[in-house]
PDB file of N, CA and C in Angstrom:
ATOM      1  N   MET A   1     101.136 104.675  89.702  1.00  0.00           N
ATOM      2  CA  MET A   1     100.418 104.958  90.502  1.00  0.00           C
ATOM      3  C   MET A   1     101.942 105.674  91.454  1.00  0.00           C
ATOM      4  N   LEU A   2     101.371 106.649  92.118  1.00  0.00           N
ATOM      5  CA  LEU A   2     102.037 107.562  93.247  1.00  0.00           C
ATOM      6  C   LEU A   2     102.634 106.290  94.389  1.00  0.00           C
ATOM      7  N   LYS A   3     104.136 106.614  94.594  1.00  0.00           N
ATOM      8  CA  LYS A   3     104.740 106.284  95.972  1.00  0.00           C
ATOM      9  C   LYS A   3     104.108 106.682  97.179  1.00  0.00           C
ATOM     10  N   LEU A   4     103.833 106.087  98.238  1.00  0.00           N
ATOM     11  CA  LEU A   4     103.552 106.943  99.937  1.00  0.00           C
ATOM     12  C   LEU A   4     104.613 108.166  99.555  1.00  0.00           C
ATOM     13  N   SER A   5     105.675 108.068  99.584  1.00  0.00           N
ATOM     14  CA  SER A   5     106.460 109.374 100.263  1.00  0.00           C
ATOM     15  C   SER A   5     105.990 110.118  98.969  1.00  0.00           C
ATOM     16  N   GLU A   6     106.073 110.049  97.422  1.00  0.00           N
ATOM     17  CA  GLU A   6     105.473 111.015  97.184  1.00  0.00           C
ATOM     18  C   GLU A   6     104.526 111.779  97.073  1.00  0.00           C
ATOM     19  N   ILE A   7     103.389 111.109  97.709  1.00  0.00           N
ATOM     20  CA  ILE A   7     101.930 111.896  98.083  1.00  0.00           C
ATOM     21  C   ILE A   7     102.380 112.755  99.361  1.00  0.00           C
ATOM     22  N   ALA A   8     103.381 112.036 100.450  1.00  0.00           N
ATOM     23  CA  ALA A   8     103.423 112.614 101.514  1.00  0.00           C
ATOM     24  C   ALA A   8     104.231 113.859 101.646  1.00  0.00           C
ATOM     25  N   GLU A   9     105.346 113.834 100.353  1.00  0.00           N
ATOM     26  CA  GLU A   9     105.681 115.376 100.070  1.00  0.00           C
ATOM     27  C   GLU A   9     104.763 116.621  99.630  1.00  0.00           C
ATOM     28  N   VAL A  10     103.860 116.348  99.154  1.00  0.00           N
ATOM     29  CA  VAL A  10     102.693 117.219  98.975  1.00  0.00           C
ATOM     30  C   VAL A  10     102.108 117.861 100.239  1.00  0.00           C
ATOM     31  N   TYR A  11     102.169 117.034 101.078  1.00  0.00           N
ATOM     32  CA  TYR A  11     101.429 117.411 102.172  1.00  0.00           C
ATOM     33  C   TYR A  11     102.140 117.882 103.441  1.00  0.00           C
ATOM     34  N   ILE A  12     102.890 117.423 103.811  1.00  0.00           N
ATOM     35  CA  ILE A  12     104.005 117.295 104.690  1.00  0.00           C
ATOM     36  C   ILE A  12     105.332 117.510 104.691  1.00  0.00           C
ATOM     37  N   SER A  13     106.532 117.684 105.237  1.00  0.00           N
ATOM     38  CA  SER A  13     107.821 117.595 105.228  1.00  0.00           C
ATOM     39  C   SER A  13     107.896 116.387 105.629  1.00  0.00           C
ATOM     40  N   LYS A  14     109.480 115.885 104.766  1.00  0.00           N
ATOM     41  CA  LYS A  14     110.169 115.104 104.734  1.00  0.00           C
ATOM     42  C   LYS A  14     110.273 113.729 106.290  1.00  0.00           C
ATOM     43  N   SER A  15     110.637 115.226 106.913  1.00  0.00           N
ATOM     44  CA  SER A  15     111.453 114.579 108.039  1.00  0.00           C
ATOM     45  C   SER A  15     110.056 114.545 108.997  1.00  0.00           C
ATOM     46  N   THR A  16     109.304 115.098 109.006  1.00  0.00           N
ATOM     47  CA  THR A  16     107.814 114.953 109.846  1.00  0.00           C
ATOM     48  C   THR A  16     106.983 113.446 109.239  1.00  0.00           C
ATOM     49  N   TYR A  17     107.085 113.324 107.860  1.00  0.00           N
ATOM     50  CA  TYR A  17     106.926 112.191 107.389  1.00  0.00           C
ATOM     51  C   TYR A  17     107.992 110.791 108.206  1.00  0.00           C
ATOM     52  N   HIS A  18     109.014 110.892 108.092  1.00  0.00           N
ATOM     53  CA  HIS A  18     109.603 109.652 108.519  1.00  0.00           C
ATOM     54  C   HIS A  18     110.291 109.608 110.263  1.00  0.00           C
ATOM     55  N   GLY A  19     109.709 110.700 110.538  1.00  0.00           N
ATOM     56  CA  GLY A  19     110.049 110.660 111.903  1.00  0.00           C
ATOM     57  C   GLY A  19     108.737 110.641 112.782  1.00  0.00           C
ATOM     58  N   SER A  20     107.137 110.762 112.028  1.00  0.00           N
ATOM     59  CA  SER A  20     106.343 110.450 112.768  1.00  0.00           C
ATOM     60  C   SER A  20     105.382 109.305 111.795  1.00  0.00           C
ATOM     61  N   TYR A  21     104.730 109.279 110.963  1.00  0.00           N
ATOM     62  CA  TYR A  21     103.868 108.858 110.083  1.00  0.00           C
ATOM     63  C   TYR A  21     104.450 107.410 109.410  1.00  0.00           C
ATOM     64  N   LYS A  22     105.591 107.644 109.074  1.00  0.00           N
ATOM     65  CA  LYS A  22     106.286 106.490 108.465  1.00  0.00           C
ATOM     66  C   LYS A  22     105.900 104.911 109.188  1.00  0.00           C
ATOM     67  N   SER A  23     106.180 104.820 110.144  1.00  0.00           N
ATOM     68  CA  SER A  23     105.933 103.912 110.978  1.00  0.00           C
ATOM     69  C   SER A  23     104.652 103.418 111.644  1.00  0.00           C
ATOM     70  N   LEU A  24     103.656 104.325 110.965  1.00  0.00           N
ATOM     71  CA  LEU A  24     102.077 104.149 111.299  1.00  0.00           C
ATOM     72  C   LEU A  24     101.916 103.600 109.957  1.00  0.00           C
ATOM     73  N   PHE A  25     101.760 103.487 109.170  1.00  0.00           N
ATOM     74  CA  PHE A  25     101.433 102.864 107.452  1.00  0.00           C
ATOM     75  C   PHE A  25     101.479 101.515 107.596  1.00  0.00           C
ATOM     76  N   PRO A  26     102.834 100.890 107.817  1.00  0.00           N
ATOM     77  CA  PRO A  26     103.006  99.602 107.844  1.00  0.00           C
ATOM     78  C   PRO A  26     101.911  98.588 108.909  1.00  0.00           C
ATOM     79  N   LYS A  27     102.213  99.493 109.861  1.00  0.00           N
ATOM     80  CA  LYS A  27     101.690  98.467 110.928  1.00  0.00           C
ATOM     81  C   LYS A  27      99.787  98.794 110.847  1.00  0.00           C
ATOM     82  N   ALA A  28      99.046  99.841 110.126  1.00  0.00           N
ATOM     83  CA  ALA A  28      97.628  99.855 110.013  1.00  0.00           C
ATOM     84  C   ALA A  28      97.531  98.984 108.919  1.00  0.00           C
ATOM     85  N   SER A  29      98.304  98.615 108.155  1.00  0.00           N
ATOM     86  CA  SER A  29      98.176  97.631 106.490  1.00  0.00           C
ATOM     87  C   SER A  29      97.947  96.127 107.260  1.00  0.00           C
ATOM     88  N   ILE A  30      98.229  95.866 108.337  1.00  0.00           N
ATOM     89  CA  ILE A  30      97.887  94.658 109.002  1.00  0.00           C
ATOM     90  C   ILE A  30      96.784  94.137 109.114  1.00  0.00           C
ATOM     91  N   TYR A  31      95.987  95.308 109.863  1.00  0.00           N
ATOM     92  CA  TYR A  31      94.501  95.060 109.792  1.00  0.00           C
ATOM     93  C   TYR A  31      93.371  95.510 108.674  1.00  0.00           C
ATOM     94  N   SER A  32      92.814  94.483 107.915  1.00  0.00           N
ATOM     95  CA  SER A  32      92.167  94.694 106.660  1.00  0.00           C
ATOM     96  C   SER A  32      91.008  95.634 107.287  1.00  0.00           C
ATOM     97  N   ASP A  33      90.435  96.184 108.079  1.00  0.00           N
ATOM     98  CA  ASP A  33      89.583  97.091 108.238  1.00  0.00           C
ATOM     99  C   ASP A  33      89.812  98.594 108.137  1.00  0.00           C
ATOM    100  N   ILE A  34      91.713  99.035 108.768  1.00  0.00           N
ATOM    101  CA  ILE A  34      92.144 100.121 108.581  1.00  0.00           C
ATOM    102  C   ILE A  34      92.337 100.492 107.247  1.00  0.00           C
ATOM    103  N   LEU A  35      93.560  99.396 106.287  1.00  0.00           N
ATOM    104  CA  LEU A  35      93.835  99.555 105.086  1.00  0.00           C
ATOM    105  C   LEU A  35      92.257  99.698 104.685  1.00  0.00           C
ATOM    106  N   SER A  36      91.215  98.675 104.393  1.00  0.00           N
ATOM    107  CA  SER A  36      90.298  99.347 103.737  1.00  0.00           C
ATOM    108  C   SER A  36      89.467 101.020 104.090  1.00  0.00           C
ATOM    109  N   TRP A  37      89.510 101.226 105.202  1.00  0.00           N
ATOM    110  CA  TRP A  37      89.347 102.830 105.467  1.00  0.00           C
ATOM    111  C   TRP A  37      90.220 103.764 104.852  1.00  0.00           C
ATOM    112  N   LEU A  38      91.617 103.389 104.962  1.00  0.00           N
ATOM    113  CA  LEU A  38      92.569 104.253 104.224  1.00  0.00           C
ATOM    114  C   LEU A  38      92.463 104.080 102.678  1.00  0.00           C
ATOM    115  N   LYS A  39      92.025 103.216 102.288  1.00  0.00           N
ATOM    116  CA  LYS A  39      91.807 103.266 100.780  1.00  0.00           C
ATOM    117  C   LYS A  39      90.729 103.921 100.043  1.00  0.00           C
ATOM    118  N   GLY A  40      89.927 103.847 101.151  1.00  0.00           N
ATOM    119  CA  GLY A  40      88.214 104.487 101.044  1.00  0.00           C
ATOM    120  C   GLY A  40      87.367 103.119 100.548  1.00  0.00           C
ATOM    121  N   GLU A  41      87.309 102.143 100.815  1.00  0.00           N
ATOM    122  CA  GLU A  41      86.815 100.884  99.672  1.00  0.00           C
ATOM    123  C   GLU A  41      86.327 100.243 101.141  1.00  0.00           C
ATOM    124  N   GLY A  42      85.248  99.210 101.082  1.00  0.00           N
ATOM    125  CA  GLY A  42      84.588  98.238 101.843  1.00  0.00           C
ATOM    126  C   GLY A  42      83.304  98.366 102.713  1.00  0.00           C
ATOM    127  N   GLY A  43      83.382 100.109 102.297  1.00  0.00           N
ATOM    128  CA  GLY A  43      82.193 100.356 103.006  1.00  0.00           C
ATOM    129  C   GLY A  43      82.151 100.716 104.739  1.00  0.00           C
ATOM    130  N   VAL A  44      83.780 100.745 105.077  1.00  0.00           N
ATOM    131  CA  VAL A  44      84.292 100.832 106.603  1.00  0.00           C
ATOM    132  C   VAL A  44      84.378 102.425 106.638  1.00  0.00           C
ATOM    133  N   THR A  45      83.713 103.054 107.768  1.00  0.00           N
ATOM    134  CA  THR A  45      83.673 104.163 108.231  1.00  0.00           C
ATOM    135  C   THR A  45      84.436 105.013 109.282  1.00  0.00           C
ATOM    136  N   THR A  46      84.455 105.822 109.225  1.00  0.00           N
ATOM    137  CA  THR A  46      85.351 106.637 110.523  1.00  0.00           C
ATOM    138  C   THR A  46      85.111 106.211 111.713  1.00  0.00           C
ATOM    139  N   ALA A  47      83.994 106.024 112.105  1.00  0.00           N
ATOM    140  CA  ALA A  47      83.677 105.644 113.456  1.00  0.00           C
ATOM    141  C   ALA A  47      83.856 104.122 113.540  1.00  0.00           C
ATOM    142  N   ASP A  48      84.008 103.619 112.238  1.00  0.00           N
ATOM    143  CA  ASP A  48      83.982 101.960 112.864  1.00  0.00           C
ATOM    144  C   ASP A  48      85.577 101.731 113.058  1.00  0.00           C
ATOM    145  N   ILE A  49      85.919 102.618 112.759  1.00  0.00           N
ATOM    146  CA  ILE A  49      88.005 102.850 113.316  1.00  0.00           C
ATOM    147  C   ILE A  49      88.254 103.381 114.290  1.00  0.00           C
ATOM    148  N   PHE A  50      87.876 104.505 114.595  1.00  0.00           N
ATOM    149  CA  PHE A  50      87.992 105.418 115.755  1.00  0.00           C
ATOM    150  C   PHE A  50      86.983 105.682 116.424  1.00  0.00           C
ATOM    151  N   GLY A  51      85.834 105.013 116.800  1.00  0.00           N
ATOM    152  CA  GLY A  51      84.742 104.890 117.193  1.00  0.00           C
ATOM    153  C   GLY A  51      84.384 106.309 117.615  1.00  0.00           C
ATOM    154  N   ASP A  52      84.429 107.071 119.493  1.00  0.00           N
ATOM    155  CA  ASP A  52      84.205 108.165 119.849  1.00  0.00           C
ATOM    156  C   ASP A  52      85.388 109.080 120.092  1.00  0.00           C
ATOM    157  N   LEU A  53      86.780 108.491 119.575  1.00  0.00           N
ATOM    158  CA  LEU A  53      88.232 109.396 119.065  1.00  0.00           C
ATOM    159  C   LEU A  53      87.919 109.999 118.041  1.00  0.00           C
ATOM    160  N   SER A  54      88.597 111.580 117.515  1.00  0.00           N
ATOM    161  CA  SER A  54      88.679 111.940 116.333  1.00  0.00           C
ATOM    162  C   SER A  54      89.590 111.761 116.021  1.00  0.00           C
ATOM    163  N   PRO A  55      89.194 111.009 114.680  1.00  0.00           N
ATOM    164  CA  PRO A  55      90.427 111.164 113.529  1.00  0.00           C
ATOM    165  C   PRO A  55      91.847 111.756 113.502  1.00  0.00           C
ATOM    166  N   SER A  56      92.854 111.071 114.062  1.00  0.00           N
ATOM    167  CA  SER A  56      93.872 111.995 113.860  1.00  0.00           C
ATOM    168  C   SER A  56      95.201 110.918 114.094  1.00  0.00           C
ATOM    169  N   PHE A  57      96.396 111.011 113.409  1.00  0.00           N
ATOM    170  CA  PHE A  57      97.566 110.310 113.640  1.00  0.00           C
ATOM    171  C   PHE A  57      97.625 109.748 115.393  1.00  0.00           C
ATOM    172  N   ASP A  58      97.976 110.963 115.763  1.00  0.00           N
ATOM    173  CA  ASP A  58      97.834 110.825 117.267  1.00  0.00           C
ATOM    174  C   ASP A  58      97.031 109.153 117.843  1.00  0.00           C
ATOM    175  N   ASN A  59      95.695 109.501 117.177  1.00  0.00           N
ATOM    176  CA  ASN A  59      94.565 108.511 117.935  1.00  0.00           C
ATOM    177  C   ASN A  59      94.875 107.188 117.075  1.00  0.00           C
ATOM    178  N   LEU A  60      95.332 107.219 115.685  1.00  0.00           N
ATOM    179  CA  LEU A  60      95.388 106.041 114.706  1.00  0.00           C
ATOM    180  C   LEU A  60      96.465 105.280 115.536  1.00  0.00           C
ATOM    181  N   ARG A  61      97.679 106.104 116.383  1.00  0.00           N
ATOM    182  CA  ARG A  61      98.976 105.464 116.827  1.00  0.00           C
ATOM    183  C   ARG A  61      98.307 104.297 118.305  1.00  0.00           C
ATOM    184  N   VAL A  62      97.535 105.234 119.166  1.00  0.00           N
ATOM    185  CA  VAL A  62      96.913 104.569 120.104  1.00  0.00           C
ATOM    186  C   VAL A  62      95.855 103.309 119.736  1.00  0.00           C
ATOM    187  N   ILE A  63      95.255 103.481 118.326  1.00  0.00           N
ATOM    188  CA  ILE A  63      94.358 102.223 118.137  1.00  0.00           C
ATOM    189  C   ILE A  63      95.398 101.072 117.716  1.00  0.00           C
ATOM    190  N   LEU A  64      96.425 101.492 117.345  1.00  0.00           N
ATOM    191  CA  LEU A  64      97.288 100.472 116.809  1.00  0.00           C
ATOM    192  C   LEU A  64      98.020  99.663 117.569  1.00  0.00           C
ATOM    193  N   LYS A  65      98.024 100.837 119.128  1.00  0.00           N
ATOM    194  CA  LYS A  65      98.809  99.763 120.123  1.00  0.00           C
ATOM    195  C   LYS A  65      98.333  99.336 120.708  1.00  0.00           C
ATOM    196  N   ASN A  66      96.916  99.596 120.902  1.00  0.00           N
ATOM    197  CA  ASN A  66      95.488  98.794 121.575  1.00  0.00           C
ATOM    198  C   ASN A  66      95.514  97.794 120.738  1.00  0.00           C
ATOM    199  N   ARG A  67      95.378  97.314 119.502  1.00  0.00           N
ATOM    200  CA  ARG A  67      94.495  95.989 118.974  1.00  0.00           C
ATOM    201  C   ARG A  67      96.544  95.446 118.109  1.00  0.00           C
ATOM    202  N   GLY A  68      97.505  96.070 118.705  1.00  0.00           N
ATOM    203  CA  GLY A  68      98.754  95.029 118.388  1.00  0.00           C
ATOM    204  C   GLY A  68      98.841  93.951 119.663  1.00  0.00           C
ATOM    205  N   GLY A  69      98.044  93.186 119.428  1.00  0.00           N
ATOM    206  CA  GLY A  69      98.404  92.097 120.589  1.00  0.00           C
ATOM    207  C   GLY A  69      99.534  91.292 119.951  1.00  0.00           C
ATOM    208  N   LYS A  70     100.081  90.182 120.302  1.00  0.00           N
ATOM    209  CA  LYS A  70     101.261  89.096 120.050  1.00  0.00           C
ATOM    210  C   LYS A  70     101.075  88.376 118.870  1.00  0.00           C
ATOM    211  N   LYS A  71      99.532  87.708 118.823  1.00  0.00           N
ATOM    212  CA  LYS A  71      98.991  87.289 117.676  1.00  0.00           C
ATOM    213  C   LYS A  71      99.628  88.272 116.158  1.00  0.00           C
ATOM    214  N   GLU A  72      99.127  89.679 116.100  1.00  0.00           N
ATOM    215  CA  GLU A  72      98.947  90.518 114.948  1.00  0.00           C
ATOM    216  C   GLU A  72     100.406  90.399 115.062  1.00  0.00           C
ATOM    217  N   LYS A  73     101.329  90.810 116.070  1.00  0.00           N
ATOM    218  CA  LYS A  73     102.888  90.734 115.816  1.00  0.00           C
ATOM    219  C   LYS A  73     103.574  90.038 114.749  1.00  0.00           C
ATOM    220  N   GLU A  74     103.220  88.699 115.498  1.00  0.00           N
ATOM    221  CA  GLU A  74     103.609  87.815 115.175  1.00  0.00           C
ATOM    222  C   GLU A  74     103.561  86.978 113.442  1.00  0.00           C
ATOM    223  N   LYS A  75     101.983  87.329 113.043  1.00  0.00           N
ATOM    224  CA  LYS A  75     102.005  87.810 111.810  1.00  0.00           C
ATOM    225  C   LYS A  75     102.478  88.722 110.839  1.00  0.00           C
ATOM    226  N   ALA A  76     102.670  89.836 111.328  1.00  0.00           N
ATOM    227  CA  ALA A  76     103.491  90.963 110.814  1.00  0.00           C
ATOM    228  C   ALA A  76     105.204  90.429 110.329  1.00  0.00           C
ATOM    229  N   LYS A  77     105.696  89.663 111.630  1.00  0.00           N
ATOM    230  CA  LYS A  77     107.020  89.395 111.503  1.00  0.00           C
ATOM    231  C   LYS A  77     106.881  88.391 110.661  1.00  0.00           C
ATOM    232  N   ALA A  78     106.546  87.355 110.476  1.00  0.00           N
ATOM    233  CA  ALA A  78     106.605  86.019 109.786  1.00  0.00           C
ATOM    234  C   ALA A  78     105.938  86.542 107.913  1.00  0.00           C
ATOM    235  N   LYS A  79     105.000  87.764 107.961  1.00  0.00           N
ATOM    236  CA  LYS A  79     105.126  88.571 106.575  1.00  0.00           C
ATOM    237  C   LYS A  79     106.577  89.009 105.797  1.00  0.00           C
ATOM    238  N   ARG A  80     107.074  89.978 107.161  1.00  0.00           N
ATOM    239  CA  ARG A  80     108.150  90.512 106.726  1.00  0.00           C
ATOM    240  C   ARG A  80     109.346  89.424 106.121  1.00  0.00           C
ATOM    241  N   LYS A  81     109.210  88.110 107.239  1.00  0.00           N
ATOM    242  CA  LYS A  81     110.472  87.107 106.742  1.00  0.00           C
ATOM    243  C   LYS A  81     110.043  86.332 105.527  1.00  0.00           C
ATOM    244  N   GLU A  82     108.817  86.474 105.453  1.00  0.00           N
ATOM    245  CA  GLU A  82     108.635  86.008 103.914  1.00  0.00           C
ATOM    246  C   GLU A  82     109.033  86.983 102.736  1.00  0.00           C
ATOM    247  N   LYS A  83     108.830  88.192 102.945  1.00  0.00           N
ATOM    248  CA  LYS A  83     108.975  88.760 101.908  1.00  0.00           C
ATOM    249  C   LYS A  83     110.540  89.028 101.866  1.00  0.00           C
ATOM    250  N   GLY A  84     111.215  88.572 102.918  1.00  0.00           N
ATOM    251  CA  GLY A  84     112.697  88.721 102.400  1.00  0.00           C
ATOM    252  C   GLY A  84     113.313  87.771 102.145  1.00  0.00           C
ATOM    253  N   LYS A  85     113.059  86.540 102.084  1.00  0.00           N
ATOM    254  CA  LYS A  85     112.956  85.286 101.717  1.00  0.00           C
ATOM    255  C   LYS A  85     112.772  85.611 100.058  1.00  0.00           C
ATOM    256  N   ASN A  86     111.859  85.983  99.625  1.00  0.00           N
ATOM    257  CA  ASN A  86     111.381  86.457  98.373  1.00  0.00           C
ATOM    258  C   ASN A  86     112.302  87.015  97.721  1.00  0.00           C
ATOM    259  N   GLU A  87     112.658  88.042  98.650  1.00  0.00           N
ATOM    260  CA  GLU A  87     113.421  88.977  97.641  1.00  0.00           C
ATOM    261  C   GLU A  87     115.024  88.291  97.371  1.00  0.00           C
ATOM    262  N   LYS A  88     115.313  87.545  98.387  1.00  0.00           N
ATOM    263  CA  LYS A  88     116.658  86.871  98.382  1.00  0.00           C
ATOM    264  C   LYS A  88     116.725  86.080  96.967  1.00  0.00           C
ATOM    265  N   LYS A  89     115.741  85.093  96.987  1.00  0.00           N
ATOM    266  CA  LYS A  89     115.562  84.012  95.693  1.00  0.00           C
ATOM    267  C   LYS A  89     115.201  84.757  94.539  1.00  0.00           C
ATOM    268  N   ALA A  90     115.051  86.407  94.497  1.00  0.00           N
ATOM    269  CA  ALA A  90     114.718  86.931  93.515  1.00  0.00           C
ATOM    270  C   ALA A  90     116.329  87.668  93.164  1.00  0.00           C
ATOM    271  N   GLN A  91     117.141  87.789  94.266  1.00  0.00           N
ATOM    272  CA  GLN A  91     118.468  88.346  93.549  1.00  0.00           C
ATOM    273  C   GLN A  91     119.365  87.043  93.418  1.00  0.00           C
ATOM    274  N   SER A  92     119.166  86.084  93.474  1.00  0.00           N
ATOM    275  CA  SER A  92     120.381  85.139  93.309  1.00  0.00           C
ATOM    276  C   SER A  92     119.412  84.686  91.893  1.00  0.00           C
ATOM    277  N   ILE A  93     118.186  84.620  91.845  1.00  0.00           N
ATOM    278  CA  ILE A  93     117.935  84.274  90.143  1.00  0.00           C
ATOM    279  C   ILE A  93     118.669  85.425  89.387  1.00  0.00           C
ATOM    280  N   LYS A  94     118.584  86.924  90.008  1.00  0.00           N
ATOM    281  CA  LYS A  94     119.101  87.855  88.518  1.00  0.00           C
ATOM    282  C   LYS A  94     120.541  87.772  88.649  1.00  0.00           C
ATOM    283  N   LYS A  95     121.691  86.851  89.817  1.00  0.00           N
ATOM    284  CA  LYS A  95     123.236  86.789  89.545  1.00  0.00           C
ATOM    285  C   LYS A  95     123.338  85.268  88.517  1.00  0.00           C
ATOM    286  N   LYS A  96     122.335  84.995  88.577  1.00  0.00           N
ATOM    287  CA  LYS A  96     122.905  83.292  87.868  1.00  0.00           C
ATOM    288  C   LYS A  96     122.326  84.196  86.073  1.00  0.00           C
TER     289      LYS A  96
END
């Protein structure tokens, strides 16, 4: 399976990807409907995500900002923290 950065290299420059788009995808993956739409799964339509807005990265940024309530941010933070703990455990096991 291709990495997201490998796919991005085909369509946009690395500096554009890292400067603009990279921050959107982790935020988008918090929301199951947006993630399903990005993957083309679950019958989620563009209209379900964007409503009357045209589908663009700028509008996706606006949608994510509007959805980014405190509860969702706390979930994302807890998910990152748990991931960090799991990585530390894996590293300590490798050292043994």
